[in-house]
Amino acid sequence: MIKYTLFLLIASSLFLHATSCILTKYEVYIASNLPANSPPLHVHCSSKDDDLGYHTLAPGAQYQFSFCENPLTTLLSCRFLWNVLPCL
């Protein structure tokens, strides 16, 4: 029974470590505060390892995501297009 309990404790700590950030976790919020009659805001965010996809925000809409900092490799960029056709 002790071996089973110890196994569960180790397994759960590994799972928590894998799903949490070692360093800083950043929350990014993007909001379209454009006038109600404006065209939508097109947003595309990506990093070297992860493409977060294209998002179309109507006036008043929001998009949010989070990421963990890795000082050696973290480089995230977002592209914003407004009043133009979206890049696909």
PDB file of N, CA and C in Angstrom:
ATOM      1  N   MET A   1       0.818  -1.198   0.000  1.00  0.00           N
ATOM      2  CA  MET A   1       0.000   0.000   0.000  1.00  0.00           C
ATOM      3  C   MET A   1       0.861   1.261   0.000  1.00  0.00           C
ATOM      4  N   ILE A   2       1.968   1.218   0.738  1.00  0.00           N
ATOM      5  CA  ILE A   2       2.859   2.380   0.796  1.00  0.00           C
ATOM      6  C   ILE A   2       3.487   2.626  -0.572  1.00  0.00           C
ATOM      7  N   LYS A   3       3.868   1.555  -1.272  1.00  0.00           N
ATOM      8  CA  LYS A   3       4.456   1.710  -2.605  1.00  0.00           C
ATOM      9  C   LYS A   3       3.452   2.340  -3.567  1.00  0.00           C
ATOM     10  N   TYR A   4       2.201   1.923  -3.483  1.00  0.00           N
ATOM     11  CA  TYR A   4       1.154   2.462  -4.350  1.00  0.00           C
ATOM     12  C   TYR A   4       0.926   3.944  -4.064  1.00  0.00           C
ATOM     13  N   THR A   5       0.871   4.310  -2.794  1.00  0.00           N
ATOM     14  CA  THR A   5       0.677   5.711  -2.409  1.00  0.00           C
ATOM     15  C   THR A   5       1.855   6.556  -2.860  1.00  0.00           C
ATOM     16  N   LEU A   6       3.066   6.054  -2.675  1.00  0.00           N
ATOM     17  CA  LEU A   6       4.259   6.777  -3.106  1.00  0.00           C
ATOM     18  C   LEU A   6       4.256   6.962  -4.618  1.00  0.00           C
ATOM     19  N   PHE A   7       3.865   5.936  -5.352  1.00  0.00           N
ATOM     20  CA  PHE A   7       3.780   6.042  -6.810  1.00  0.00           C
ATOM     21  C   PHE A   7       2.795   7.132  -7.225  1.00  0.00           C
ATOM     22  N   LEU A   8       1.625   7.171  -6.579  1.00  0.00           N
ATOM     23  CA  LEU A   8       0.630   8.196  -6.903  1.00  0.00           C
ATOM     24  C   LEU A   8       1.142   9.598  -6.601  1.00  0.00           C
ATOM     25  N   LEU A   9       1.838   9.768  -5.503  1.00  0.00           N
ATOM     26  CA  LEU A   9       2.388  11.082  -5.161  1.00  0.00           C
ATOM     27  C   LEU A   9       3.421  11.536  -6.186  1.00  0.00           C
ATOM     28  N   ILE A  10       4.304  10.648  -6.589  1.00  0.00           N
ATOM     29  CA  ILE A  10       5.325  10.997  -7.578  1.00  0.00           C
ATOM     30  C   ILE A  10       4.684  11.274  -8.930  1.00  0.00           C
ATOM     31  N   ALA A  11       3.748  10.442  -9.337  1.00  0.00           N
ATOM     32  CA  ALA A  11       3.084  10.637 -10.631  1.00  0.00           C
ATOM     33  C   ALA A  11       2.319  11.953 -10.664  1.00  0.00           C
ATOM     34  N   SER A  12       1.626  12.276  -9.588  1.00  0.00           N
ATOM     35  CA  SER A  12       0.865  13.528  -9.579  1.00  0.00           C
ATOM     36  C   SER A  12       1.789  14.733  -9.558  1.00  0.00           C
ATOM     37  N   SER A  13       2.911  14.661  -8.887  1.00  0.00           N
ATOM     38  CA  SER A  13       3.841  15.795  -8.885  1.00  0.00           C
ATOM     39  C   SER A  13       4.465  15.980 -10.261  1.00  0.00           C
ATOM     40  N   LEU A  14       4.737  14.899 -10.967  1.00  0.00           N
ATOM     41  CA  LEU A  14       5.258  15.024 -12.333  1.00  0.00           C
ATOM     42  C   LEU A  14       4.221  15.630 -13.255  1.00  0.00           C
ATOM     43  N   PHE A  15       2.961  15.242 -13.094  1.00  0.00           N
ATOM     44  CA  PHE A  15       1.898  15.806 -13.916  1.00  0.00           C
ATOM     45  C   PHE A  15       1.752  17.296 -13.654  1.00  0.00           C
ATOM     46  N   LEU A  16       1.766  17.700 -12.394  1.00  0.00           N
ATOM     47  CA  LEU A  16       1.657  19.121 -12.062  1.00  0.00           C
ATOM     48  C   LEU A  16       2.837  19.902 -12.599  1.00  0.00           C
ATOM     49  N   HIS A  17       4.024  19.321 -12.541  1.00  0.00           N
ATOM     50  CA  HIS A  17       5.212  19.990 -13.068  1.00  0.00           C
ATOM     51  C   HIS A  17       5.110  20.157 -14.582  1.00  0.00           C
ATOM     52  N   ALA A  18       4.572  19.182 -15.264  1.00  0.00           N
ATOM     53  CA  ALA A  18       4.464  19.244 -16.722  1.00  0.00           C
ATOM     54  C   ALA A  18       3.437  20.266 -17.179  1.00  0.00           C
ATOM     55  N   THR A  19       2.432  20.552 -16.357  1.00  0.00           N
ATOM     56  CA  THR A  19       1.385  21.475 -16.777  1.00  0.00           C
ATOM     57  C   THR A  19       1.555  22.878 -16.206  1.00  0.00           C
ATOM     58  N   SER A  20       2.569  23.095 -15.375  1.00  0.00           N
ATOM     59  CA  SER A  20       2.790  24.422 -14.814  1.00  0.00           C
ATOM     60  C   SER A  20       4.084  24.998 -15.359  1.00  0.00           C
ATOM     61  N   CYS A  21       4.236  26.292 -15.225  1.00  0.00           N
ATOM     62  CA  CYS A  21       5.428  26.976 -15.717  1.00  0.00           C
ATOM     63  C   CYS A  21       6.536  26.906 -14.678  1.00  0.00           C
ATOM     64  N   ILE A  22       7.744  26.705 -15.148  1.00  0.00           N
ATOM     65  CA  ILE A  22       8.899  26.741 -14.264  1.00  0.00           C
ATOM     66  C   ILE A  22       9.216  28.198 -13.934  1.00  0.00           C
ATOM     67  N   LEU A  23       9.184  29.049 -14.943  1.00  0.00           N
ATOM     68  CA  LEU A  23       9.428  30.476 -14.746  1.00  0.00           C
ATOM     69  C   LEU A  23       8.102  31.223 -14.800  1.00  0.00           C
ATOM     70  N   THR A  24       8.085  32.355 -15.421  1.00  0.00           N
ATOM     71  CA  THR A  24       6.906  33.214 -15.446  1.00  0.00           C
ATOM     72  C   THR A  24       5.885  32.746 -16.476  1.00  0.00           C
ATOM     73  N   LYS A  25       4.616  32.777 -16.088  1.00  0.00           N
ATOM     74  CA  LYS A  25       3.519  32.518 -17.017  1.00  0.00           C
ATOM     75  C   LYS A  25       2.874  33.856 -17.353  1.00  0.00           C
ATOM     76  N   TYR A  26       2.721  34.129 -18.637  1.00  0.00           N
ATOM     77  CA  TYR A  26       2.143  35.381 -19.096  1.00  0.00           C
ATOM     78  C   TYR A  26       0.745  35.147 -19.641  1.00  0.00           C
ATOM     79  N   GLU A  27      -0.159  36.037 -19.306  1.00  0.00           N
ATOM     80  CA  GLU A  27      -1.520  36.042 -19.838  1.00  0.00           C
ATOM     81  C   GLU A  27      -1.607  37.210 -20.814  1.00  0.00           C
ATOM     82  N   VAL A  28      -2.058  36.939 -22.030  1.00  0.00           N
ATOM     83  CA  VAL A  28      -2.181  37.974 -23.054  1.00  0.00           C
ATOM     84  C   VAL A  28      -3.661  38.158 -23.365  1.00  0.00           C
ATOM     85  N   TYR A  29      -4.121  39.395 -23.301  1.00  0.00           N
ATOM     86  CA  TYR A  29      -5.507  39.744 -23.610  1.00  0.00           C
ATOM     87  C   TYR A  29      -5.497  40.747 -24.754  1.00  0.00           C
ATOM     88  N   ILE A  30      -6.227  40.445 -25.800  1.00  0.00           N
ATOM     89  CA  ILE A  30      -6.360  41.349 -26.942  1.00  0.00           C
ATOM     90  C   ILE A  30      -7.838  41.675 -27.073  1.00  0.00           C
ATOM     91  N   ALA A  31      -8.152  42.960 -27.063  1.00  0.00           N
ATOM     92  CA  ALA A  31      -9.551  43.392 -27.142  1.00  0.00           C
ATOM     93  C   ALA A  31      -9.718  44.351 -28.305  1.00  0.00           C
ATOM     94  N   SER A  32     -10.789  44.191 -29.045  1.00  0.00           N
ATOM     95  CA  SER A  32     -11.125  45.108 -30.128  1.00  0.00           C
ATOM     96  C   SER A  32     -12.061  46.172 -29.567  1.00  0.00           C
ATOM     97  N   ASN A  33     -11.515  47.351 -29.342  1.00  0.00           N
ATOM     98  CA  ASN A  33     -12.317  48.471 -28.847  1.00  0.00           C
ATOM     99  C   ASN A  33     -12.630  49.447 -29.976  1.00  0.00           C
ATOM    100  N   LEU A  34     -12.754  48.907 -31.168  1.00  0.00           N
ATOM    101  CA  LEU A  34     -13.078  49.731 -32.332  1.00  0.00           C
ATOM    102  C   LEU A  34     -14.553  50.129 -32.286  1.00  0.00           C
ATOM    103  N   PRO A  35     -14.924  51.187 -32.991  1.00  0.00           N
ATOM    104  CA  PRO A  35     -16.341  51.585 -33.033  1.00  0.00           C
ATOM    105  C   PRO A  35     -17.223  50.449 -33.559  1.00  0.00           C
ATOM    106  N   ALA A  36     -18.475  50.461 -33.173  1.00  0.00           N
ATOM    107  CA  ALA A  36     -19.411  49.378 -33.496  1.00  0.00           C
ATOM    108  C   ALA A  36     -19.557  49.132 -34.992  1.00  0.00           C
ATOM    109  N   ASN A  37     -19.424  50.143 -35.812  1.00  0.00           N
ATOM    110  CA  ASN A  37     -19.612  49.965 -37.259  1.00  0.00           C
ATOM    111  C   ASN A  37     -18.295  49.706 -37.986  1.00  0.00           C
ATOM    112  N   SER A  38     -17.212  49.431 -37.269  1.00  0.00           N
ATOM    113  CA  SER A  38     -15.902  49.191 -37.881  1.00  0.00           C
ATOM    114  C   SER A  38     -15.798  47.784 -38.447  1.00  0.00           C
ATOM    115  N   PRO A  39     -14.925  47.595 -39.428  1.00  0.00           N
ATOM    116  CA  PRO A  39     -14.612  46.238 -39.882  1.00  0.00           C
ATOM    117  C   PRO A  39     -13.937  45.470 -38.739  1.00  0.00           C
ATOM    118  N   PRO A  40     -13.921  44.141 -38.808  1.00  0.00           N
ATOM    119  CA  PRO A  40     -13.305  43.359 -37.737  1.00  0.00           C
ATOM    120  C   PRO A  40     -11.785  43.527 -37.707  1.00  0.00           C
ATOM    121  N   LEU A  41     -11.214  43.203 -36.560  1.00  0.00           N
ATOM    122  CA  LEU A  41      -9.768  43.202 -36.370  1.00  0.00           C
ATOM    123  C   LEU A  41      -9.286  41.772 -36.558  1.00  0.00           C
ATOM    124  N   HIS A  42      -8.297  41.575 -37.411  1.00  0.00           N
ATOM    125  CA  HIS A  42      -7.741  40.245 -37.666  1.00  0.00           C
ATOM    126  C   HIS A  42      -6.426  40.121 -36.899  1.00  0.00           C
ATOM    127  N   VAL A  43      -6.286  39.031 -36.140  1.00  0.00           N
ATOM    128  CA  VAL A  43      -5.123  38.822 -35.280  1.00  0.00           C
ATOM    129  C   VAL A  43      -4.514  37.461 -35.589  1.00  0.00           C
ATOM    130  N   HIS A  44      -3.184  37.432 -35.699  1.00  0.00           N
ATOM    131  CA  HIS A  44      -2.476  36.165 -35.865  1.00  0.00           C
ATOM    132  C   HIS A  44      -1.251  36.194 -34.962  1.00  0.00           C
ATOM    133  N   CYS A  45      -1.195  35.296 -33.980  1.00  0.00           N
ATOM    134  CA  CYS A  45      -0.069  35.218 -33.055  1.00  0.00           C
ATOM    135  C   CYS A  45       0.623  33.870 -33.230  1.00  0.00           C
ATOM    136  N   SER A  46       1.951  33.895 -33.149  1.00  0.00           N
ATOM    137  CA  SER A  46       2.713  32.662 -33.289  1.00  0.00           C
ATOM    138  C   SER A  46       4.081  32.816 -32.642  1.00  0.00           C
ATOM    139  N   SER A  47       4.693  31.681 -32.395  1.00  0.00           N
ATOM    140  CA  SER A  47       6.073  31.620 -31.944  1.00  0.00           C
ATOM    141  C   SER A  47       6.775  30.611 -32.840  1.00  0.00           C
ATOM    142  N   LYS A  48       8.033  30.371 -32.576  1.00  0.00           N
ATOM    143  CA  LYS A  48       8.777  29.401 -33.377  1.00  0.00           C
ATOM    144  C   LYS A  48       8.160  28.003 -33.270  1.00  0.00           C
ATOM    145  N   ASP A  49       7.641  27.690 -32.089  1.00  0.00           N
ATOM    146  CA  ASP A  49       7.132  26.344 -31.823  1.00  0.00           C
ATOM    147  C   ASP A  49       5.623  26.195 -31.892  1.00  0.00           C
ATOM    148  N   ASP A  50       4.900  27.309 -31.868  1.00  0.00           N
ATOM    149  CA  ASP A  50       3.451  27.207 -31.723  1.00  0.00           C
ATOM    150  C   ASP A  50       2.752  28.289 -32.536  1.00  0.00           C
ATOM    151  N   ASP A  51       1.848  27.879 -33.410  1.00  0.00           N
ATOM    152  CA  ASP A  51       1.032  28.819 -34.181  1.00  0.00           C
ATOM    153  C   ASP A  51      -0.350  28.847 -33.540  1.00  0.00           C
ATOM    154  N   LEU A  52      -0.727  29.999 -33.004  1.00  0.00           N
ATOM    155  CA  LEU A  52      -2.007  30.116 -32.301  1.00  0.00           C
ATOM    156  C   LEU A  52      -3.174  30.354 -33.242  1.00  0.00           C
ATOM    157  N   GLY A  53      -2.900  30.489 -34.520  1.00  0.00           N
ATOM    158  CA  GLY A  53      -3.959  30.596 -35.509  1.00  0.00           C
ATOM    159  C   GLY A  53      -4.435  32.012 -35.754  1.00  0.00           C
ATOM    160  N   TYR A  54      -5.365  32.124 -36.682  1.00  0.00           N
ATOM    161  CA  TYR A  54      -5.959  33.402 -37.066  1.00  0.00           C
ATOM    162  C   TYR A  54      -7.259  33.591 -36.298  1.00  0.00           C
ATOM    163  N   HIS A  55      -7.460  34.793 -35.803  1.00  0.00           N
ATOM    164  CA  HIS A  55      -8.671  35.109 -35.047  1.00  0.00           C
ATOM    165  C   HIS A  55      -9.246  36.408 -35.572  1.00  0.00           C
ATOM    166  N   THR A  56     -10.543  36.429 -35.765  1.00  0.00           N
ATOM    167  CA  THR A  56     -11.242  37.621 -36.237  1.00  0.00           C
ATOM    168  C   THR A  56     -12.074  38.164 -35.087  1.00  0.00           C
ATOM    169  N   LEU A  57     -11.770  39.403 -34.698  1.00  0.00           N
ATOM    170  CA  LEU A  57     -12.451  40.019 -33.562  1.00  0.00           C
ATOM    171  C   LEU A  57     -13.391  41.109 -34.041  1.00  0.00           C
ATOM    172  N   ALA A  58     -14.663  40.906 -33.813  1.00  0.00           N
ATOM    173  CA  ALA A  58     -15.649  41.953 -34.087  1.00  0.00           C
ATOM    174  C   ALA A  58     -15.465  43.052 -33.039  1.00  0.00           C
ATOM    175  N   PRO A  59     -15.949  44.253 -33.300  1.00  0.00           N
ATOM    176  CA  PRO A  59     -15.857  45.305 -32.286  1.00  0.00           C
ATOM    177  C   PRO A  59     -16.452  44.835 -30.953  1.00  0.00           C
ATOM    178  N   GLY A  60     -15.693  45.024 -29.885  1.00  0.00           N
ATOM    179  CA  GLY A  60     -16.115  44.595 -28.557  1.00  0.00           C
ATOM    180  C   GLY A  60     -15.680  43.187 -28.183  1.00  0.00           C
ATOM    181  N   ALA A  61     -15.147  42.415 -29.137  1.00  0.00           N
ATOM    182  CA  ALA A  61     -14.741  41.033 -28.867  1.00  0.00           C
ATOM    183  C   ALA A  61     -13.336  40.990 -28.262  1.00  0.00           C
ATOM    184  N   GLN A  62     -13.017  39.847 -27.635  1.00  0.00           N
ATOM    185  CA  GLN A  62     -11.711  39.651 -27.017  1.00  0.00           C
ATOM    186  C   GLN A  62     -11.130  38.307 -27.424  1.00  0.00           C
ATOM    187  N   TYR A  63      -9.810  38.229 -27.352  1.00  0.00           N
ATOM    188  CA  TYR A  63      -9.083  36.975 -27.560  1.00  0.00           C
ATOM    189  C   TYR A  63      -8.005  36.934 -26.486  1.00  0.00           C
ATOM    190  N   GLN A  64      -7.832  35.777 -25.867  1.00  0.00           N
ATOM    191  CA  GLN A  64      -6.808  35.667 -24.838  1.00  0.00           C
ATOM    192  C   GLN A  64      -6.095  34.336 -24.934  1.00  0.00           C
ATOM    193  N   PHE A  65      -4.838  34.329 -24.498  1.00  0.00           N
ATOM    194  CA  PHE A  65      -4.048  33.114 -24.431  1.00  0.00           C
ATOM    195  C   PHE A  65      -2.959  33.316 -23.386  1.00  0.00           C
ATOM    196  N   SER A  66      -2.292  32.242 -23.023  1.00  0.00           N
ATOM    197  CA  SER A  66      -1.199  32.328 -22.066  1.00  0.00           C
ATOM    198  C   SER A  66      -0.028  31.507 -22.582  1.00  0.00           C
ATOM    199  N   PHE A  67       1.152  31.841 -22.088  1.00  0.00           N
ATOM    200  CA  PHE A  67       2.338  31.079 -22.443  1.00  0.00           C
ATOM    201  C   PHE A  67       3.341  31.163 -21.304  1.00  0.00           C
ATOM    202  N   CYS A  68       4.235  30.185 -21.273  1.00  0.00           N
ATOM    203  CA  CYS A  68       5.278  30.132 -20.253  1.00  0.00           C
ATOM    204  C   CYS A  68       6.578  30.677 -20.824  1.00  0.00           C
ATOM    205  N   GLU A  69       7.283  31.410 -19.986  1.00  0.00           N
ATOM    206  CA  GLU A  69       8.549  32.004 -20.405  1.00  0.00           C
ATOM    207  C   GLU A  69       9.654  30.963 -20.420  1.00  0.00           C
ATOM    208  N   ASN A  70      10.428  30.980 -21.484  1.00  0.00           N
ATOM    209  CA  ASN A  70      11.690  30.259 -21.567  1.00  0.00           C
ATOM    210  C   ASN A  70      12.705  31.294 -22.020  1.00  0.00           C
ATOM    211  N   PRO A  71      13.622  31.741 -21.153  1.00  0.00           N
ATOM    212  CA  PRO A  71      14.499  32.864 -21.492  1.00  0.00           C
ATOM    213  C   PRO A  71      15.368  32.631 -22.722  1.00  0.00           C
ATOM    214  N   LEU A  72      15.603  31.387 -23.081  1.00  0.00           N
ATOM    215  CA  LEU A  72      16.472  31.112 -24.223  1.00  0.00           C
ATOM    216  C   LEU A  72      15.720  31.054 -25.545  1.00  0.00           C
ATOM    217  N   THR A  73      14.439  30.727 -25.505  1.00  0.00           N
ATOM    218  CA  THR A  73      13.745  30.497 -26.775  1.00  0.00           C
ATOM    219  C   THR A  73      12.440  31.256 -26.958  1.00  0.00           C
ATOM    220  N   THR A  74      11.915  31.901 -25.928  1.00  0.00           N
ATOM    221  CA  THR A  74      10.606  32.538 -26.057  1.00  0.00           C
ATOM    222  C   THR A  74      10.678  33.770 -26.941  1.00  0.00           C
ATOM    223  N   LEU A  75       9.969  33.720 -28.040  1.00  0.00           N
ATOM    224  CA  LEU A  75       9.799  34.871 -28.922  1.00  0.00           C
ATOM    225  C   LEU A  75       8.419  34.725 -29.544  1.00  0.00           C
ATOM    226  N   LEU A  76       7.509  35.531 -29.107  1.00  0.00           N
ATOM    227  CA  LEU A  76       6.123  35.486 -29.561  1.00  0.00           C
ATOM    228  C   LEU A  76       5.839  36.759 -30.336  1.00  0.00           C
ATOM    229  N   SER A  77       5.165  36.623 -31.457  1.00  0.00           N
ATOM    230  CA  SER A  77       4.797  37.821 -32.220  1.00  0.00           C
ATOM    231  C   SER A  77       3.334  37.722 -32.632  1.00  0.00           C
ATOM    232  N   CYS A  78       2.705  38.889 -32.708  1.00  0.00           N
ATOM    233  CA  CYS A  78       1.316  38.976 -33.145  1.00  0.00           C
ATOM    234  C   CYS A  78       1.221  39.987 -34.277  1.00  0.00           C
ATOM    235  N   ARG A  79       0.418  39.657 -35.243  1.00  0.00           N
ATOM    236  CA  ARG A  79       0.181  40.537 -36.385  1.00  0.00           C
ATOM    237  C   ARG A  79      -1.281  40.970 -36.332  1.00  0.00           C
ATOM    238  N   PHE A  80      -1.498  42.264 -36.506  1.00  0.00           N
ATOM    239  CA  PHE A  80      -2.846  42.826 -36.458  1.00  0.00           C
ATOM    240  C   PHE A  80      -3.162  43.462 -37.803  1.00  0.00           C
ATOM    241  N   LEU A  81      -4.309  43.101 -38.362  1.00  0.00           N
ATOM    242  CA  LEU A  81      -4.767  43.701 -39.616  1.00  0.00           C
ATOM    243  C   LEU A  81      -6.169  44.243 -39.394  1.00  0.00           C
ATOM    244  N   TRP A  82      -6.395  45.445 -39.889  1.00  0.00           N
ATOM    245  CA  TRP A  82      -7.699  46.071 -39.725  1.00  0.00           C
ATOM    246  C   TRP A  82      -8.059  46.809 -41.002  1.00  0.00           C
ATOM    247  N   ASN A  83      -9.290  46.676 -41.396  1.00  0.00           N
ATOM    248  CA  ASN A  83      -9.823  47.351 -42.579  1.00  0.00           C
ATOM    249  C   ASN A  83      -9.164  46.867 -43.869  1.00  0.00           C
ATOM    250  N   VAL A  84      -8.733  45.608 -43.867  1.00  0.00           N
ATOM    251  CA  VAL A  84      -8.168  44.970 -45.058  1.00  0.00           C
ATOM    252  C   VAL A  84      -8.696  43.541 -45.106  1.00  0.00           C
ATOM    253  N   LEU A  85      -8.490  42.879 -46.221  1.00  0.00           N
ATOM    254  CA  LEU A  85      -8.870  41.472 -46.315  1.00  0.00           C
ATOM    255  C   LEU A  85      -7.931  40.657 -45.442  1.00  0.00           C
ATOM    256  N   PRO A  86      -8.417  39.627 -44.763  1.00  0.00           N
ATOM    257  CA  PRO A  86      -7.544  38.839 -43.891  1.00  0.00           C
ATOM    258  C   PRO A  86      -6.527  38.039 -44.696  1.00  0.00           C
ATOM    259  N   CYS A  87      -5.361  37.835 -44.109  1.00  0.00           N
ATOM    260  CA  CYS A  87      -4.341  36.978 -44.722  1.00  0.00           C
ATOM    261  C   CYS A  87      -4.681  35.532 -44.389  1.00  0.00           C
ATOM    262  N   LEU A  88      -4.785  34.718 -45.377  1.00  0.00           N
ATOM    263  CA  LEU A  88      -5.080  33.300 -45.133  1.00  0.00           C
ATOM    264  C   LEU A  88      -3.963  32.435 -45.616  1.00  0.00           C
TER     265      LEU A  88
END
